[in-house]
Amino acid sequence: MYAIEFETDITGKYIELKDYEQLLNKHAKVIILVDEDNQSEKPVTKVMKQLQQFKEIINQRVNLPKVGKEIDINALSNEINSDIF
């Protein structure tokens, strides 16, 4: 395993990776360290809150009821649509 280290200014929600072609279809662990001494806000805290919200959404999706394979969803949606109109 080898490391890639770079510095960049974050100007949007995407970070450009130089020579990304070498990284395509490879597993990577990304670590971002932010110098918070120069900032009044703490963006890492915001990201952690968003990550927690994302995890909560995923956990809610896991608990949703499953649709059985024997149910014809197309027929069911057609029946519902004909009942409304």
Protein backbone atom coordinates (compact mmCIF):
# COMPACT_ATOMS: atom_id res chain seq x y z
CA MET A 1 0.00 0.00 0.00
CA TYR A 2 1.20 3.50 -0.69
CA ALA A 3 0.03 6.97 0.33
CA ILE A 4 -0.92 10.00 -1.74
CA GLU A 5 -0.53 13.32 0.00
CA PHE A 6 -1.62 16.64 -1.42
CA GLU A 7 -2.84 20.05 -0.36
CA THR A 8 -5.69 21.91 -1.99
CA ASP A 9 -8.06 24.79 -1.44
CA ILE A 10 -11.63 23.56 -1.13
CA THR A 11 -13.77 25.77 -3.36
CA GLY A 12 -16.71 23.43 -3.86
CA LYS A 13 -18.01 20.01 -2.91
CA TYR A 14 -15.57 18.16 -5.18
CA ILE A 15 -11.81 17.72 -4.84
CA GLU A 16 -9.73 17.17 -7.95
CA LEU A 17 -7.31 14.25 -7.89
CA LYS A 18 -4.30 14.55 -10.14
CA ASP A 19 -3.48 11.35 -12.04
CA TYR A 20 -6.83 9.88 -11.01
CA GLU A 21 -6.54 7.31 -13.79
CA GLN A 22 -4.07 5.36 -11.66
CA LEU A 23 -6.65 5.18 -8.87
CA LEU A 24 -9.67 4.05 -10.88
CA ASN A 25 -11.27 0.82 -9.64
CA LYS A 26 -9.00 0.72 -6.57
CA HIS A 27 -10.02 0.74 -2.93
CA ALA A 28 -8.85 3.90 -1.15
CA LYS A 29 -8.97 5.26 2.35
CA VAL A 30 -9.29 9.06 2.32
CA ILE A 31 -8.16 11.11 5.30
CA ILE A 32 -8.77 14.84 5.51
CA LEU A 33 -7.12 16.88 8.24
CA VAL A 34 -8.30 20.47 8.60
CA ASP A 35 -6.39 23.19 10.42
CA GLU A 36 -9.18 24.63 12.56
CA ASP A 37 -7.02 27.26 14.29
CA ASN A 38 -7.58 29.77 11.47
CA GLN A 39 -11.35 29.33 11.26
CA SER A 40 -14.15 30.55 13.48
CA GLU A 41 -16.48 27.74 12.39
CA LYS A 42 -15.74 24.07 12.72
CA PRO A 43 -16.66 22.42 9.40
CA VAL A 44 -15.66 19.01 10.73
CA THR A 45 -18.49 19.22 13.27
CA LYS A 46 -20.98 19.95 10.49
CA VAL A 47 -19.72 16.98 8.47
CA MET A 48 -19.99 14.72 11.51
CA LYS A 49 -23.62 15.81 12.04
CA GLN A 50 -24.40 15.13 8.38
CA LEU A 51 -22.75 11.71 8.64
CA GLN A 52 -24.87 10.90 11.70
CA GLN A 53 -28.03 11.97 9.83
CA PHE A 54 -27.01 9.76 6.89
CA LYS A 55 -26.51 6.78 9.20
CA GLU A 56 -29.95 7.38 10.75
CA ILE A 57 -31.55 7.40 7.28
CA ILE A 58 -29.80 4.15 6.37
CA ASN A 59 -30.97 2.54 9.62
CA GLN A 60 -34.56 3.62 8.89
CA ARG A 61 -34.38 2.05 5.42
CA VAL A 62 -33.23 -1.25 6.90
CA ASN A 63 -36.41 -1.44 8.99
CA LEU A 64 -38.79 -0.90 6.05
CA PRO A 65 -41.09 -3.80 5.19
CA LYS A 66 -39.96 -5.95 2.29
CA VAL A 67 -42.15 -6.54 -0.77
CA GLY A 68 -42.61 -10.21 -1.45
CA LYS A 69 -41.53 -11.60 -4.82
CA GLU A 70 -45.02 -12.98 -5.40
CA ILE A 71 -46.54 -9.47 -5.51
CA ASP A 72 -46.93 -8.04 -9.02
CA ILE A 73 -46.02 -4.38 -8.47
CA ASN A 74 -47.03 -3.35 -12.00
CA ALA A 75 -50.51 -4.82 -11.62
CA LEU A 76 -50.84 -3.26 -8.18
CA SER A 77 -49.87 0.21 -9.46
CA ASN A 78 -52.27 -0.13 -12.42
CA GLU A 79 -55.07 -1.10 -10.06
CA ILE A 80 -54.34 1.87 -7.80
CA ASN A 81 -54.25 4.27 -10.76
CA SER A 82 -57.57 3.00 -12.14
CA ASP A 83 -59.21 3.39 -8.73
CA ILE A 84 -58.21 7.06 -8.50
CA PHE A 85 -59.29 8.16 -11.95
